Amino acid sequence: MVKHIEGTIDYEKRSEVLNDNHKVLIYLDDMTLTDIASQDGSYVQFSLEYDEKEIEKTSNYSIRVRIVADGKTRFITSTNVPVLTKGYGDIVDVKVEKIDLM
Protein backbone atom coordinates (compact mmCIF):
# COMPACT_ATOMS: atom_id res chain seq x y z
CA MET A 1 0.00 0.00 0.00
CA VAL A 2 1.33 3.43 -0.95
CA LYS A 3 1.33 5.99 1.89
CA HIS A 4 2.77 9.49 2.43
CA ILE A 5 4.98 11.29 4.91
CA GLU A 6 3.96 14.94 5.10
CA GLY A 7 5.40 18.02 6.72
CA THR A 8 7.20 21.31 6.30
CA ILE A 9 10.82 22.25 5.67
CA ASP A 10 12.09 25.22 7.68
CA TYR A 11 14.85 27.29 6.04
CA GLU A 12 16.45 30.68 6.69
CA LYS A 13 14.55 33.06 4.37
CA ARG A 14 16.93 35.90 5.25
CA SER A 15 19.77 34.00 3.61
CA GLU A 16 18.00 33.11 0.34
CA VAL A 17 14.46 33.17 -1.08
CA LEU A 18 13.50 29.95 -2.89
CA ASN A 19 12.27 30.32 -6.48
CA ASP A 20 11.68 28.14 -9.58
CA ASN A 21 15.46 27.71 -9.89
CA HIS A 22 15.56 25.68 -6.63
CA LYS A 23 14.80 21.95 -6.33
CA VAL A 24 13.77 20.49 -2.99
CA LEU A 25 14.98 16.87 -2.74
CA ILE A 26 13.48 14.73 0.03
CA TYR A 27 14.71 11.24 0.90
CA LEU A 28 13.49 8.50 3.21
CA ASP A 29 16.58 6.87 4.71
CA ASP A 30 16.86 3.75 6.85
CA MET A 31 18.92 5.18 9.73
CA THR A 32 20.71 3.83 12.76
CA LEU A 33 22.98 6.73 13.73
CA THR A 34 23.04 10.54 12.96
CA ASP A 35 22.54 14.12 14.42
CA ILE A 36 23.77 17.84 14.39
CA ALA A 37 21.79 21.26 15.08
CA SER A 38 19.46 23.97 13.45
CA GLN A 39 17.92 27.57 13.12
CA ASP A 40 14.77 29.63 12.19
CA GLY A 41 13.08 30.85 8.95
CA SER A 42 10.52 30.10 6.16
CA TYR A 43 8.60 26.95 5.22
CA VAL A 44 8.02 24.63 2.24
CA GLN A 45 5.22 22.01 2.35
CA PHE A 46 6.03 18.48 1.14
CA SER A 47 4.52 15.04 0.72
CA LEU A 48 6.82 12.04 0.15
CA GLU A 49 5.30 8.82 -1.23
CA TYR A 50 6.55 5.46 0.08
CA ASP A 51 5.46 1.81 -0.11
CA GLU A 52 4.31 0.62 3.32
CA LYS A 53 5.25 -2.98 2.40
CA GLU A 54 8.92 -1.95 2.19
CA ILE A 55 9.04 -0.50 5.72
CA GLU A 56 10.57 -2.89 8.27
CA LYS A 57 9.11 -2.27 11.73
CA THR A 58 12.48 -3.01 13.41
CA SER A 59 14.39 -0.46 11.30
CA ASN A 60 14.93 3.25 12.03
CA TYR A 61 13.82 5.66 9.27
CA SER A 62 14.67 9.33 8.87
CA ILE A 63 13.81 12.15 6.46
CA ARG A 64 16.78 13.80 4.73
CA VAL A 65 16.44 17.02 2.70
CA ARG A 66 18.65 18.83 0.16
CA ILE A 67 17.68 22.06 -1.55
CA VAL A 68 19.60 22.52 -4.81
CA ALA A 69 19.90 25.57 -7.13
CA ASP A 70 21.97 25.74 -10.33
CA GLY A 71 23.26 22.23 -9.61
CA LYS A 72 24.68 23.27 -6.22
CA THR A 73 23.42 22.19 -2.81
CA ARG A 74 22.20 25.30 -0.96
CA PHE A 75 20.55 23.78 2.15
CA ILE A 76 20.77 20.39 3.92
CA THR A 77 19.06 18.60 6.78
CA SER A 78 20.76 19.59 10.02
CA THR A 79 19.39 16.92 12.38
CA ASN A 80 18.11 13.36 12.38
CA VAL A 81 14.32 13.48 11.69
CA PRO A 82 12.90 10.06 12.65
CA VAL A 83 9.67 8.78 11.02
CA LEU A 84 7.38 5.74 10.70
CA THR A 85 8.70 3.22 13.27
CA LYS A 86 9.40 2.99 17.00
CA GLY A 87 6.62 5.42 17.89
CA TYR A 88 7.43 8.04 15.23
CA GLY A 89 4.67 9.11 12.85
CA ASP A 90 4.35 10.31 9.27
CA ILE A 91 3.99 14.07 9.84
CA VAL A 92 7.23 15.96 10.52
CA ASP A 93 8.82 19.39 10.50
CA VAL A 94 12.34 19.36 9.04
CA LYS A 95 14.92 22.10 9.62
CA VAL A 96 17.65 22.63 7.06
CA GLU A 97 20.84 24.72 7.24
CA LYS A 98 22.28 26.91 4.50
CA ILE A 99 25.52 25.70 2.94
CA ASP A 100 28.10 28.46 2.53
CA LEU A 101 29.29 28.55 -1.08
CA MET A 102 32.96 29.43 -1.36
PDB file of N, CA and C in Angstrom:
ATOM      1  N   MET A   1       0.842  -1.177   0.000  1.00  0.00           N
ATOM      2  CA  MET A   1       0.000   0.000   0.000  1.00  0.00           C
ATOM      3  C   MET A   1       0.889   1.244   0.000  1.00  0.00           C
ATOM      4  N   VAL A   2       0.573   2.182  -0.868  1.00  0.00           N
ATOM      5  CA  VAL A   2       1.331   3.435  -0.951  1.00  0.00           C
ATOM      6  C   VAL A   2       0.791   4.407   0.092  1.00  0.00           C
ATOM      7  N   LYS A   3       1.696   5.006   0.866  1.00  0.00           N
ATOM      8  CA  LYS A   3       1.333   5.988   1.889  1.00  0.00           C
ATOM      9  C   LYS A   3       2.215   7.216   1.703  1.00  0.00           C
ATOM     10  N   HIS A   4       2.009   8.240   2.540  1.00  0.00           N
ATOM     11  CA  HIS A   4       2.775   9.485   2.434  1.00  0.00           C
ATOM     12  C   HIS A   4       3.294   9.940   3.785  1.00  0.00           C
ATOM     13  N   ILE A   5       4.456  10.548   3.772  1.00  0.00           N
ATOM     14  CA  ILE A   5       4.980  11.291   4.911  1.00  0.00           C
ATOM     15  C   ILE A   5       4.801  12.747   4.528  1.00  0.00           C
ATOM     16  N   GLU A   6       4.222  13.543   5.414  1.00  0.00           N
ATOM     17  CA  GLU A   6       3.965  14.943   5.099  1.00  0.00           C
ATOM     18  C   GLU A   6       4.599  15.846   6.134  1.00  0.00           C
ATOM     19  N   GLY A   7       4.850  17.075   5.766  1.00  0.00           N
ATOM     20  CA  GLY A   7       5.403  18.021   6.719  1.00  0.00           C
ATOM     21  C   GLY A   7       5.839  19.308   6.064  1.00  0.00           C
ATOM     22  N   THR A   8       6.660  20.044   6.791  1.00  0.00           N
ATOM     23  CA  THR A   8       7.201  21.308   6.297  1.00  0.00           C
ATOM     24  C   THR A   8       8.710  21.297   6.438  1.00  0.00           C
ATOM     25  N   ILE A   9       9.374  22.067   5.602  1.00  0.00           N
ATOM     26  CA  ILE A   9      10.823  22.245   5.666  1.00  0.00           C
ATOM     27  C   ILE A   9      11.063  23.687   6.060  1.00  0.00           C
ATOM     28  N   ASP A  10      11.810  23.897   7.133  1.00  0.00           N
ATOM     29  CA  ASP A  10      12.095  25.222   7.681  1.00  0.00           C
ATOM     30  C   ASP A  10      13.482  25.650   7.215  1.00  0.00           C
ATOM     31  N   TYR A  11      13.555  26.783   6.504  1.00  0.00           N
ATOM     32  CA  TYR A  11      14.850  27.285   6.040  1.00  0.00           C
ATOM     33  C   TYR A  11      14.968  28.768   6.360  1.00  0.00           C
ATOM     34  N   GLU A  12      16.198  29.277   6.374  1.00  0.00           N
ATOM     35  CA  GLU A  12      16.451  30.681   6.688  1.00  0.00           C
ATOM     36  C   GLU A  12      16.127  31.562   5.489  1.00  0.00           C
ATOM     37  N   LYS A  13      14.962  32.207   5.495  1.00  0.00           N
ATOM     38  CA  LYS A  13      14.553  33.059   4.374  1.00  0.00           C
ATOM     39  C   LYS A  13      15.483  34.255   4.210  1.00  0.00           C
ATOM     40  N   ARG A  14      16.013  34.754   5.321  1.00  0.00           N
ATOM     41  CA  ARG A  14      16.929  35.900   5.246  1.00  0.00           C
ATOM     42  C   ARG A  14      18.134  35.592   4.365  1.00  0.00           C
ATOM     43  N   SER A  15      18.562  34.345   4.350  1.00  0.00           N
ATOM     44  CA  SER A  15      19.769  34.001   3.609  1.00  0.00           C
ATOM     45  C   SER A  15      19.509  33.792   2.116  1.00  0.00           C
ATOM     46  N   GLU A  16      18.284  33.368   1.753  1.00  0.00           N
ATOM     47  CA  GLU A  16      17.998  33.108   0.342  1.00  0.00           C
ATOM     48  C   GLU A  16      16.511  32.811   0.182  1.00  0.00           C
ATOM     49  N   VAL A  17      15.867  33.429  -0.790  1.00  0.00           N
ATOM     50  CA  VAL A  17      14.460  33.167  -1.079  1.00  0.00           C
ATOM     51  C   VAL A  17      14.397  32.084  -2.148  1.00  0.00           C
ATOM     52  N   LEU A  18      13.611  31.022  -1.915  1.00  0.00           N
ATOM     53  CA  LEU A  18      13.498  29.949  -2.892  1.00  0.00           C
ATOM     54  C   LEU A  18      12.625  30.400  -4.058  1.00  0.00           C
ATOM     55  N   ASN A  19      13.033  29.989  -5.278  1.00  0.00           N
ATOM     56  CA  ASN A  19      12.270  30.318  -6.483  1.00  0.00           C
ATOM     57  C   ASN A  19      12.231  29.099  -7.402  1.00  0.00           C
ATOM     58  N   ASP A  20      11.786  29.255  -8.641  1.00  0.00           N
ATOM     59  CA  ASP A  20      11.678  28.135  -9.581  1.00  0.00           C
ATOM     60  C   ASP A  20      13.027  27.510  -9.916  1.00  0.00           C
ATOM     61  N   ASN A  21      14.112  28.197  -9.631  1.00  0.00           N
ATOM     62  CA  ASN A  21      15.455  27.707  -9.890  1.00  0.00           C
ATOM     63  C   ASN A  21      15.897  26.669  -8.852  1.00  0.00           C
ATOM     64  N   HIS A  22      15.209  26.594  -7.714  1.00  0.00           N
ATOM     65  CA  HIS A  22      15.562  25.679  -6.630  1.00  0.00           C
ATOM     66  C   HIS A  22      14.794  24.362  -6.764  1.00  0.00           C
ATOM     67  N   LYS A  23      15.447  23.257  -6.413  1.00  0.00           N
ATOM     68  CA  LYS A  23      14.804  21.946  -6.335  1.00  0.00           C
ATOM     69  C   LYS A  23      14.890  21.496  -4.887  1.00  0.00           C
ATOM     70  N   VAL A  24      13.781  21.037  -4.339  1.00  0.00           N
ATOM     71  CA  VAL A  24      13.767  20.491  -2.987  1.00  0.00           C
ATOM     72  C   VAL A  24      13.773  18.972  -3.130  1.00  0.00           C
ATOM     73  N   LEU A  25      14.819  18.320  -2.647  1.00  0.00           N
ATOM     74  CA  LEU A  25      14.976  16.872  -2.743  1.00  0.00           C
ATOM     75  C   LEU A  25      14.753  16.276  -1.361  1.00  0.00           C
ATOM     76  N   ILE A  26      13.822  15.336  -1.253  1.00  0.00           N
ATOM     77  CA  ILE A  26      13.480  14.733   0.030  1.00  0.00           C
ATOM     78  C   ILE A  26      13.700  13.235  -0.083  1.00  0.00           C
ATOM     79  N   TYR A  27      14.379  12.658   0.907  1.00  0.00           N
ATOM     80  CA  TYR A  27      14.711  11.243   0.899  1.00  0.00           C
ATOM     81  C   TYR A  27      14.197  10.580   2.163  1.00  0.00           C
ATOM     82  N   LEU A  28      13.801   9.319   2.049  1.00  0.00           N
ATOM     83  CA  LEU A  28      13.486   8.501   3.210  1.00  0.00           C
ATOM     84  C   LEU A  28      14.646   7.538   3.379  1.00  0.00           C
ATOM     85  N   ASP A  29      15.400   7.694   4.462  1.00  0.00           N
ATOM     86  CA  ASP A  29      16.577   6.869   4.711  1.00  0.00           C
ATOM     87  C   ASP A  29      16.325   5.907   5.858  1.00  0.00           C
ATOM     88  N   ASP A  30      16.838   4.693   5.742  1.00  0.00           N
ATOM     89  CA  ASP A  30      16.863   3.749   6.852  1.00  0.00           C
ATOM     90  C   ASP A  30      18.078   4.128   7.688  1.00  0.00           C
ATOM     91  N   MET A  31      17.852   4.619   8.901  1.00  0.00           N
ATOM     92  CA  MET A  31      18.922   5.177   9.730  1.00  0.00           C
ATOM     93  C   MET A  31      19.169   4.326  10.971  1.00  0.00           C
ATOM     94  N   THR A  32      20.393   4.408  11.462  1.00  0.00           N
ATOM     95  CA  THR A  32      20.706   3.833  12.756  1.00  0.00           C
ATOM     96  C   THR A  32      21.389   4.881  13.615  1.00  0.00           C
ATOM     97  N   LEU A  33      22.259   5.668  13.026  1.00  0.00           N
ATOM     98  CA  LEU A  33      22.977   6.732  13.730  1.00  0.00           C
ATOM     99  C   LEU A  33      22.914   8.027  12.928  1.00  0.00           C
ATOM    100  N   THR A  34      22.936   9.198  13.584  1.00  0.00           N
ATOM    101  CA  THR A  34      23.042  10.539  12.956  1.00  0.00           C
ATOM    102  C   THR A  34      22.576  11.629  13.912  1.00  0.00           C
ATOM    103  N   ASP A  35      23.044  12.890  13.761  1.00  0.00           N
ATOM    104  CA  ASP A  35      22.540  14.118  14.419  1.00  0.00           C
ATOM    105  C   ASP A  35      23.502  15.294  14.317  1.00  0.00           C
ATOM    106  N   ILE A  36      22.967  16.598  14.418  1.00  0.00           N
ATOM    107  CA  ILE A  36      23.769  17.841  14.395  1.00  0.00           C
ATOM    108  C   ILE A  36      23.049  18.990  15.139  1.00  0.00           C
ATOM    109  N   ALA A  37      22.484  20.090  14.461  1.00  0.00           N
ATOM    110  CA  ALA A  37      21.794  21.257  15.083  1.00  0.00           C
ATOM    111  C   ALA A  37      20.886  22.012  14.097  1.00  0.00           C
ATOM    112  N   SER A  38      20.325  23.249  14.404  1.00  0.00           N
ATOM    113  CA  SER A  38      19.464  23.969  13.450  1.00  0.00           C
ATOM    114  C   SER A  38      19.196  25.447  13.745  1.00  0.00           C
ATOM    115  N   GLN A  39      18.233  26.127  12.949  1.00  0.00           N
ATOM    116  CA  GLN A  39      17.922  27.569  13.120  1.00  0.00           C
ATOM    117  C   GLN A  39      16.463  27.905  12.840  1.00  0.00           C
ATOM    118  N   ASP A  40      16.143  29.119  12.296  1.00  0.00           N
ATOM    119  CA  ASP A  40      14.769  29.629  12.194  1.00  0.00           C
ATOM    120  C   ASP A  40      14.496  30.307  10.843  1.00  0.00           C
ATOM    121  N   GLY A  41      13.285  30.186  10.236  1.00  0.00           N
ATOM    122  CA  GLY A  41      13.081  30.847   8.947  1.00  0.00           C
ATOM    123  C   GLY A  41      11.743  30.700   8.265  1.00  0.00           C
ATOM    124  N   SER A  42      11.710  30.243   6.984  1.00  0.00           N
ATOM    125  CA  SER A  42      10.516  30.102   6.160  1.00  0.00           C
ATOM    126  C   SER A  42      10.218  28.623   5.926  1.00  0.00           C
ATOM    127  N   TYR A  43       9.048  28.336   5.302  1.00  0.00           N
ATOM    128  CA  TYR A  43       8.602  26.946   5.216  1.00  0.00           C
ATOM    129  C   TYR A  43       8.213  26.531   3.806  1.00  0.00           C
ATOM    130  N   VAL A  44       8.430  25.249   3.490  1.00  0.00           N
ATOM    131  CA  VAL A  44       8.023  24.632   2.235  1.00  0.00           C
ATOM    132  C   VAL A  44       7.246  23.371   2.610  1.00  0.00           C
ATOM    133  N   GLN A  45       6.015  23.214   2.100  1.00  0.00           N
ATOM    134  CA  GLN A  45       5.221  22.005   2.351  1.00  0.00           C
ATOM    135  C   GLN A  45       5.753  20.873   1.475  1.00  0.00           C
ATOM    136  N   PHE A  46       5.656  19.625   1.970  1.00  0.00           N
ATOM    137  CA  PHE A  46       6.032  18.484   1.144  1.00  0.00           C
ATOM    138  C   PHE A  46       5.175  17.273   1.471  1.00  0.00           C
ATOM    139  N   SER A  47       5.155  16.336   0.532  1.00  0.00           N
ATOM    140  CA  SER A  47       4.522  15.037   0.720  1.00  0.00           C
ATOM    141  C   SER A  47       5.403  14.032  -0.009  1.00  0.00           C
ATOM    142  N   LEU A  48       5.900  13.038   0.704  1.00  0.00           N
ATOM    143  CA  LEU A  48       6.817  12.039   0.146  1.00  0.00           C
ATOM    144  C   LEU A  48       6.115  10.688   0.118  1.00  0.00           C
ATOM    145  N   GLU A  49       5.963  10.114  -1.069  1.00  0.00           N
ATOM    146  CA  GLU A  49       5.298   8.824  -1.228  1.00  0.00           C
ATOM    147  C   GLU A  49       6.263   7.691  -0.888  1.00  0.00           C
ATOM    148  N   TYR A  50       5.754   6.655  -0.201  1.00  0.00           N
ATOM    149  CA  TYR A  50       6.550   5.461   0.082  1.00  0.00           C
ATOM    150  C   TYR A  50       5.632   4.247   0.080  1.00  0.00           C
ATOM    151  N   ASP A  51       6.219   3.059  -0.106  1.00  0.00           N
ATOM    152  CA  ASP A  51       5.458   1.812  -0.112  1.00  0.00           C
ATOM    153  C   ASP A  51       5.522   1.203   1.281  1.00  0.00           C
ATOM    154  N   GLU A  52       4.380   1.129   1.945  1.00  0.00           N
ATOM    155  CA  GLU A  52       4.312   0.623   3.320  1.00  0.00           C
ATOM    156  C   GLU A  52       4.872  -0.798   3.439  1.00  0.00           C
ATOM    157  N   LYS A  53       4.752  -1.600   2.375  1.00  0.00           N
ATOM    158  CA  LYS A  53       5.255  -2.982   2.399  1.00  0.00           C
ATOM    159  C   LYS A  53       6.780  -3.036   2.522  1.00  0.00           C
ATOM    160  N   GLU A  54       7.460  -1.953   2.137  1.00  0.00           N
ATOM    161  CA  GLU A  54       8.921  -1.948   2.190  1.00  0.00           C
ATOM    162  C   GLU A  54       9.477  -1.433   3.518  1.00  0.00           C
ATOM    163  N   ILE A  55       8.609  -1.019   4.424  1.00  0.00           N
ATOM    164  CA  ILE A  55       9.042  -0.503   5.724  1.00  0.00           C
ATOM    165  C   ILE A  55       9.152  -1.656   6.713  1.00  0.00           C
ATOM    166  N   GLU A  56      10.349  -1.851   7.262  1.00  0.00           N
ATOM    167  CA  GLU A  56      10.568  -2.887   8.266  1.00  0.00           C
ATOM    168  C   GLU A  56      10.382  -2.273   9.645  1.00  0.00           C
ATOM    169  N   LYS A  57       9.468  -2.835  10.425  1.00  0.00           N
ATOM    170  CA  LYS A  57       9.109  -2.266  11.732  1.00  0.00           C
ATOM    171  C   LYS A  57      10.287  -2.202  12.701  1.00  0.00           C
ATOM    172  N   THR A  58      11.319  -3.024  12.504  1.00  0.00           N
ATOM    173  CA  THR A  58      12.478  -3.012  13.406  1.00  0.00           C
ATOM    174  C   THR A  58      13.563  -2.028  12.967  1.00  0.00           C
ATOM    175  N   SER A  59      13.390  -1.419  11.801  1.00  0.00           N
ATOM    176  CA  SER A  59      14.385  -0.458  11.302  1.00  0.00           C
ATOM    177  C   SER A  59      14.078   0.954  11.789  1.00  0.00           C
ATOM    178  N   ASN A  60      15.080   1.831  11.706  1.00  0.00           N
ATOM    179  CA  ASN A  60      14.931   3.254  12.032  1.00  0.00           C
ATOM    180  C   ASN A  60      14.940   4.032  10.725  1.00  0.00           C
ATOM    181  N   TYR A  61      13.913   4.871  10.494  1.00  0.00           N
ATOM    182  CA  TYR A  61      13.825   5.657   9.270  1.00  0.00           C
ATOM    183  C   TYR A  61      13.893   7.141   9.591  1.00  0.00           C
ATOM    184  N   SER A  62      14.481   7.899   8.676  1.00  0.00           N
ATOM    185  CA  SER A  62      14.668   9.330   8.874  1.00  0.00           C
ATOM    186  C   SER A  62      14.454  10.063   7.554  1.00  0.00           C
ATOM    187  N   ILE A  63      13.948  11.304   7.638  1.00  0.00           N
ATOM    188  CA  ILE A  63      13.806  12.153   6.457  1.00  0.00           C
ATOM    189  C   ILE A  63      15.091  12.961   6.287  1.00  0.00           C
ATOM    190  N   ARG A  64      15.587  13.013   5.055  1.00  0.00           N
ATOM    191  CA  ARG A  64      16.778  13.800   4.729  1.00  0.00           C
ATOM    192  C   ARG A  64      16.402  14.742   3.590  1.00  0.00           C
ATOM    193  N   VAL A  65      16.816  16.014   3.693  1.00  0.00           N
ATOM    194  CA  VAL A  65      16.438  17.021   2.695  1.00  0.00           C
ATOM    195  C   VAL A  65      17.676  17.717   2.142  1.00  0.00           C
ATOM    196  N   ARG A  66      17.665  17.962   0.832  1.00  0.00           N
ATOM    197  CA  ARG A  66      18.652  18.827   0.164  1.00  0.00           C
ATOM    198  C   ARG A  66      17.872  19.807  -0.679  1.00  0.00           C
ATOM    199  N   ILE A  67      18.252  21.067  -0.647  1.00  0.00           N
ATOM    200  CA  ILE A  67      17.679  22.063  -1.550  1.00  0.00           C
ATOM    201  C   ILE A  67      18.805  22.490  -2.478  1.00  0.00           C
ATOM    202  N   VAL A  68      18.567  22.324  -3.794  1.00  0.00           N
ATOM    203  CA  VAL A  68      19.596  22.525  -4.811  1.00  0.00           C
ATOM    204  C   VAL A  68      19.175  23.656  -5.749  1.00  0.00           C
ATOM    205  N   ALA A  69      20.129  24.516  -6.127  1.00  0.00           N
ATOM    206  CA  ALA A  69      19.900  25.565  -7.131  1.00  0.00           C
ATOM    207  C   ALA A  69      21.114  25.622  -8.047  1.00  0.00           C
ATOM    208  N   ASP A  70      20.876  25.690  -9.343  1.00  0.00           N
ATOM    209  CA  ASP A  70      21.966  25.735 -10.328  1.00  0.00           C
ATOM    210  C   ASP A  70      22.941  24.579 -10.142  1.00  0.00           C
ATOM    211  N   GLY A  71      22.426  23.405  -9.783  1.00  0.00           N
ATOM    212  CA  GLY A  71      23.262  22.229  -9.608  1.00  0.00           C
ATOM    213  C   GLY A  71      24.081  22.207  -8.329  1.00  0.00           C
ATOM    214  N   LYS A  72      23.902  23.191  -7.463  1.00  0.00           N
ATOM    215  CA  LYS A  72      24.679  23.267  -6.218  1.00  0.00           C
ATOM    216  C   LYS A  72      23.759  23.132  -5.011  1.00  0.00           C
ATOM    217  N   THR A  73      24.192  22.334  -4.040  1.00  0.00           N
ATOM    218  CA  THR A  73      23.422  22.188  -2.810  1.00  0.00           C
ATOM    219  C   THR A  73      23.472  23.490  -2.031  1.00  0.00           C
ATOM    220  N   ARG A  74      22.289  24.027  -1.681  1.00  0.00           N
ATOM    221  CA  ARG A  74      22.204  25.299  -0.956  1.00  0.00           C
ATOM    222  C   ARG A  74      21.823  25.104   0.508  1.00  0.00           C
ATOM    223  N   PHE A  75      20.989  24.083   0.789  1.00  0.00           N
ATOM    224  CA  PHE A  75      20.555  23.780   2.153  1.00  0.00           C
ATOM    225  C   PHE A  75      20.573  22.266   2.343  1.00  0.00           C
ATOM    226  N   ILE A  76      20.825  21.814   3.591  1.00  0.00           N
ATOM    227  CA  ILE A  76      20.772  20.386   3.917  1.00  0.00           C
ATOM    228  C   ILE A  76      20.102  20.187   5.277  1.00  0.00           C
ATOM    229  N   THR A  77      19.619  18.968   5.491  1.00  0.00           N
ATOM    230  CA  THR A  77      19.062  18.604   6.784  1.00  0.00           C
ATOM    231  C   THR A  77      20.141  18.748   7.844  1.00  0.00           C
ATOM    232  N   SER A  78      19.767  19.342   8.970  1.00  0.00           N
ATOM    233  CA  SER A  78      20.758  19.593  10.019  1.00  0.00           C
ATOM    234  C   SER A  78      20.640  18.641  11.201  1.00  0.00           C
ATOM    235  N   THR A  79      19.558  17.878  11.281  1.00  0.00           N
ATOM    236  CA  THR A  79      19.385  16.917  12.381  1.00  0.00           C
ATOM    237  C   THR A  79      18.730  15.644  11.867  1.00  0.00           C
ATOM    238  N   ASN A  80      18.816  14.602  12.661  1.00  0.00           N
ATOM    239  CA  ASN A  80      18.114  13.361  12.380  1.00  0.00           C
ATOM    240  C   ASN A  80      16.618  13.625  12.579  1.00  0.00           C
ATOM    241  N   VAL A  81      15.775  13.263  11.604  1.00  0.00           N
ATOM    242  CA  VAL A  81      14.324  13.479  11.689  1.00  0.00           C
ATOM    243  C   VAL A  81      13.638  12.112  11.564  1.00  0.00           C
ATOM    244  N   PRO A  82      13.457  11.408  12.689  1.00  0.00           N
ATOM    245  CA  PRO A  82      12.901  10.058  12.651  1.00  0.00           C
ATOM    246  C   PRO A  82      11.429  10.035  12.234  1.00  0.00           C
ATOM    247  N   VAL A  83      11.055   8.975  11.483  1.00  0.00           N
ATOM    248  CA  VAL A  83       9.674   8.784  11.020  1.00  0.00           C
ATOM    249  C   VAL A  83       9.310   7.301  11.014  1.00  0.00           C
ATOM    250  N   LEU A  84       8.016   7.015  11.028  1.00  0.00           N
ATOM    251  CA  LEU A  84       7.377   5.740  10.703  1.00  0.00           C
ATOM    252  C   LEU A  84       7.478   4.598  11.709  1.00  0.00           C
ATOM    253  N   THR A  85       8.579   4.370  12.367  1.00  0.00           N
ATOM    254  CA  THR A  85       8.699   3.220  13.269  1.00  0.00           C
ATOM    255  C   THR A  85       9.085   3.674  14.674  1.00  0.00           C
ATOM    256  N   LYS A  86       8.980   2.753  15.610  1.00  0.00           N
ATOM    257  CA  LYS A  86       9.395   2.988  17.001  1.00  0.00           C
ATOM    258  C   LYS A  86       8.700   4.199  17.618  1.00  0.00           C
ATOM    259  N   GLY A  87       7.412   4.347  17.305  1.00  0.00           N
ATOM    260  CA  GLY A  87       6.618   5.420  17.887  1.00  0.00           C
ATOM    261  C   GLY A  87       6.618   6.726  17.111  1.00  0.00           C
ATOM    262  N   TYR A  88       7.407   6.828  16.046  1.00  0.00           N
ATOM    263  CA  TYR A  88       7.433   8.044  15.228  1.00  0.00           C
ATOM    264  C   TYR A  88       6.371   7.952  14.136  1.00  0.00           C
ATOM    265  N   GLY A  89       5.763   9.076  13.808  1.00  0.00           N
ATOM    266  CA  GLY A  89       4.666   9.109  12.846  1.00  0.00           C
ATOM    267  C   GLY A  89       5.093   9.463  11.440  1.00  0.00           C
ATOM    268  N   ASP A  90       4.108   9.982  10.680  1.00  0.00           N
ATOM    269  CA  ASP A  90       4.348  10.313   9.275  1.00  0.00           C
ATOM    270  C   ASP A  90       4.111  11.796   8.973  1.00  0.00           C
ATOM    271  N   ILE A  91       4.063  12.619  10.014  1.00  0.00           N
ATOM    272  CA  ILE A  91       3.989  14.072   9.837  1.00  0.00           C
ATOM    273  C   ILE A  91       5.155  14.682  10.603  1.00  0.00           C
ATOM    274  N   VAL A  92       6.012  15.428   9.901  1.00  0.00           N
ATOM    275  CA  VAL A  92       7.229  15.964  10.521  1.00  0.00           C
ATOM    276  C   VAL A  92       7.507  17.392  10.067  1.00  0.00           C
ATOM    277  N   ASP A  93       8.266  18.094  10.865  1.00  0.00           N
ATOM    278  CA  ASP A  93       8.819  19.393  10.496  1.00  0.00           C
ATOM    279  C   ASP A  93      10.326  19.210  10.416  1.00  0.00           C
ATOM    280  N   VAL A  94      10.917  19.589   9.305  1.00  0.00           N
ATOM    281  CA  VAL A  94      12.338  19.361   9.043  1.00  0.00           C
ATOM    282  C   VAL A  94      13.056  20.700   8.947  1.00  0.00           C
ATOM    283  N   LYS A  95      14.105  20.886   9.743  1.00  0.00           N
ATOM    284  CA  LYS A  95      14.920  22.103   9.625  1.00  0.00           C
ATOM    285  C   LYS A  95      16.121  21.801   8.743  1.00  0.00           C
ATOM    286  N   VAL A  96      16.459  22.764   7.893  1.00  0.00           N
ATOM    287  CA  VAL A  96      17.652  22.634   7.058  1.00  0.00           C
ATOM    288  C   VAL A  96      18.557  23.832   7.302  1.00  0.00           C
ATOM    289  N   GLU A  97      19.853  23.643   7.070  1.00  0.00           N
ATOM    290  CA  GLU A  97      20.840  24.716   7.238  1.00  0.00           C
ATOM    291  C   GLU A  97      21.407  25.111   5.890  1.00  0.00           C
ATOM    292  N   LYS A  98      21.676  26.392   5.729  1.00  0.00           N
ATOM    293  CA  LYS A  98      22.283  26.915   4.501  1.00  0.00           C
ATOM    294  C   LYS A  98      23.737  26.462   4.415  1.00  0.00           C
ATOM    295  N   ILE A  99      24.136  26.072   3.214  1.00  0.00           N
ATOM    296  CA  ILE A  99      25.520  25.696   2.937  1.00  0.00           C
ATOM    297  C   ILE A  99      26.228  26.938   2.410  1.00  0.00           C
ATOM    298  N   ASP A 100      27.334  27.307   3.017  1.00  0.00           N
ATOM    299  CA  ASP A 100      28.103  28.459   2.533  1.00  0.00           C
ATOM    300  C   ASP A 100      28.855  28.074   1.270  1.00  0.00           C
ATOM    301  N   LEU A 101      28.601  28.801   0.184  1.00  0.00           N
ATOM    302  CA  LEU A 101      29.293  28.550  -1.081  1.00  0.00           C
ATOM    303  C   LEU A 101      30.562  29.384  -1.119  1.00  0.00           C
ATOM    304  N   MET A 102      31.671  28.731  -1.338  1.00  0.00           N
ATOM    305  CA  MET A 102      32.962  29.426  -1.363  1.00  0.00           C
ATOM    306  C   MET A 102      33.232  29.984  -2.732  1.00  0.00           C
TER     307      MET A 102
END
